[in-house]
Amino acid sequence: MNEEDYKKIRSIFSEKGLEEGPFKIKAEEDVSINISCEKDHIDIDFSDSDKLPELSIRIINAGVDGITLGNKGGKIRLNSFPDIPFLYKWLK
């Protein structure tokens, strides 16, 4: 992950959130997370169910259980919805 990718992911915690195409994801700055590093990816789990980040897809809002970051992309793990995969190059 390069510095530009880091800045985009970090914007999730900004007042505006990260907006890309029809997607917007936003989290509170003090959200509780658990991070585990595996050989080929990093898992970020949100442990405080009262402060789950929110993902908006035009008219759908869903809680985010976690995010998996791999070498070329990752997936957003949603509460009660299927996971959404993404590539870092889509965020540019």
Protein backbone atom coordinates (compact mmCIF):
# COMPACT_ATOMS: atom_id res chain seq x y z
CA MET A 1 0.00 0.00 0.00
CA ASN A 2 1.45 3.35 -0.98
CA GLU A 3 0.99 6.72 0.73
CA GLU A 4 -1.90 7.74 -1.55
CA ASP A 5 -3.77 4.50 -0.74
CA TYR A 6 -3.13 5.11 2.96
CA LYS A 7 -4.54 8.66 2.76
CA LYS A 8 -7.69 7.43 1.03
CA ILE A 9 -8.27 4.69 3.59
CA ARG A 10 -7.52 7.16 6.41
CA SER A 11 -10.22 9.48 5.01
CA ILE A 12 -12.79 6.91 6.23
CA PHE A 13 -12.33 8.57 9.63
CA SER A 14 -12.80 12.13 8.35
CA GLU A 15 -15.99 14.16 8.73
CA LYS A 16 -16.82 13.57 5.06
CA GLY A 17 -15.73 9.91 4.92
CA LEU A 18 -14.34 8.14 1.84
CA GLU A 19 -16.49 8.60 -1.26
CA GLU A 20 -15.79 6.63 -4.43
CA GLY A 21 -18.45 6.38 -7.14
CA PRO A 22 -21.73 5.24 -5.55
CA PHE A 23 -20.00 4.18 -2.30
CA LYS A 24 -19.38 6.17 0.86
CA ILE A 25 -17.86 4.71 4.03
CA LYS A 26 -17.49 6.68 7.22
CA ALA A 27 -16.35 5.78 10.75
CA GLU A 28 -16.00 7.65 14.01
CA GLU A 29 -12.43 8.47 15.00
CA ASP A 30 -12.68 6.56 18.28
CA VAL A 31 -14.14 3.33 16.88
CA SER A 32 -12.82 0.16 18.55
CA ILE A 33 -10.89 -2.13 16.22
CA ASN A 34 -9.00 -5.39 16.36
CA ILE A 35 -6.25 -5.89 13.77
CA SER A 36 -4.78 -9.23 12.78
CA CYS A 37 -1.96 -9.62 10.27
CA GLU A 38 -1.92 -12.77 8.18
CA LYS A 39 0.61 -13.86 5.57
CA ASP A 40 -1.33 -12.41 2.61
CA HIS A 41 -3.75 -9.92 4.15
CA ILE A 42 -4.67 -7.75 7.13
CA ASP A 43 -8.05 -8.03 8.87
CA ILE A 44 -9.56 -5.02 10.62
CA ASP A 45 -12.56 -5.97 12.78
CA PHE A 46 -14.85 -3.41 14.39
CA SER A 47 -15.66 -4.69 17.87
CA ASP A 48 -17.99 -2.01 19.27
CA SER A 49 -21.43 -2.70 17.80
CA ASP A 50 -22.67 0.72 18.95
CA LYS A 51 -20.11 2.50 16.75
CA LEU A 52 -19.92 0.37 13.61
CA PRO A 53 -18.74 2.33 10.58
CA GLU A 54 -21.45 2.88 7.98
CA LEU A 55 -21.34 2.16 4.28
CA SER A 56 -23.79 3.95 2.00
CA ILE A 57 -24.48 2.72 -1.52
CA ARG A 58 -26.77 5.37 -2.97
CA ILE A 59 -29.93 4.34 -1.08
CA ILE A 60 -28.67 1.42 1.06
CA ASN A 61 -26.98 1.92 4.44
CA ALA A 62 -25.27 -0.98 6.23
CA GLY A 63 -23.06 -1.48 9.26
CA VAL A 64 -19.48 -2.53 8.57
CA ASP A 65 -18.24 -5.50 10.59
CA GLY A 66 -14.69 -5.26 9.27
CA ILE A 67 -12.31 -4.67 6.39
CA THR A 68 -9.78 -7.07 4.90
CA LEU A 69 -6.75 -5.48 3.22
CA GLY A 70 -4.69 -7.61 0.83
CA ASN A 71 -1.78 -6.90 -1.50
CA LYS A 72 -3.87 -5.56 -4.40
CA GLY A 73 -7.20 -4.88 -2.74
CA GLY A 74 -9.54 -6.10 -0.09
CA LYS A 75 -13.14 -6.47 0.94
CA ILE A 76 -15.58 -4.63 3.15
CA ARG A 77 -17.40 -7.06 5.44
CA LEU A 78 -20.97 -5.86 5.94
CA ASN A 79 -23.49 -6.64 8.65
CA SER A 80 -26.43 -8.60 7.12
CA PHE A 81 -25.23 -8.02 3.51
CA PRO A 82 -22.70 -9.79 1.23
CA ASP A 83 -19.06 -8.63 1.39
CA ILE A 84 -17.95 -6.01 -1.14
CA PRO A 85 -14.55 -6.66 -2.76
CA PHE A 86 -12.40 -3.78 -4.04
CA LEU A 87 -9.02 -3.17 -5.68
CA TYR A 88 -6.81 -0.29 -4.56
CA LYS A 89 -6.56 0.89 -8.16
CA TRP A 90 -10.32 1.54 -8.09
CA LEU A 91 -9.70 4.16 -5.40
CA LYS A 92 -7.51 6.31 -7.67
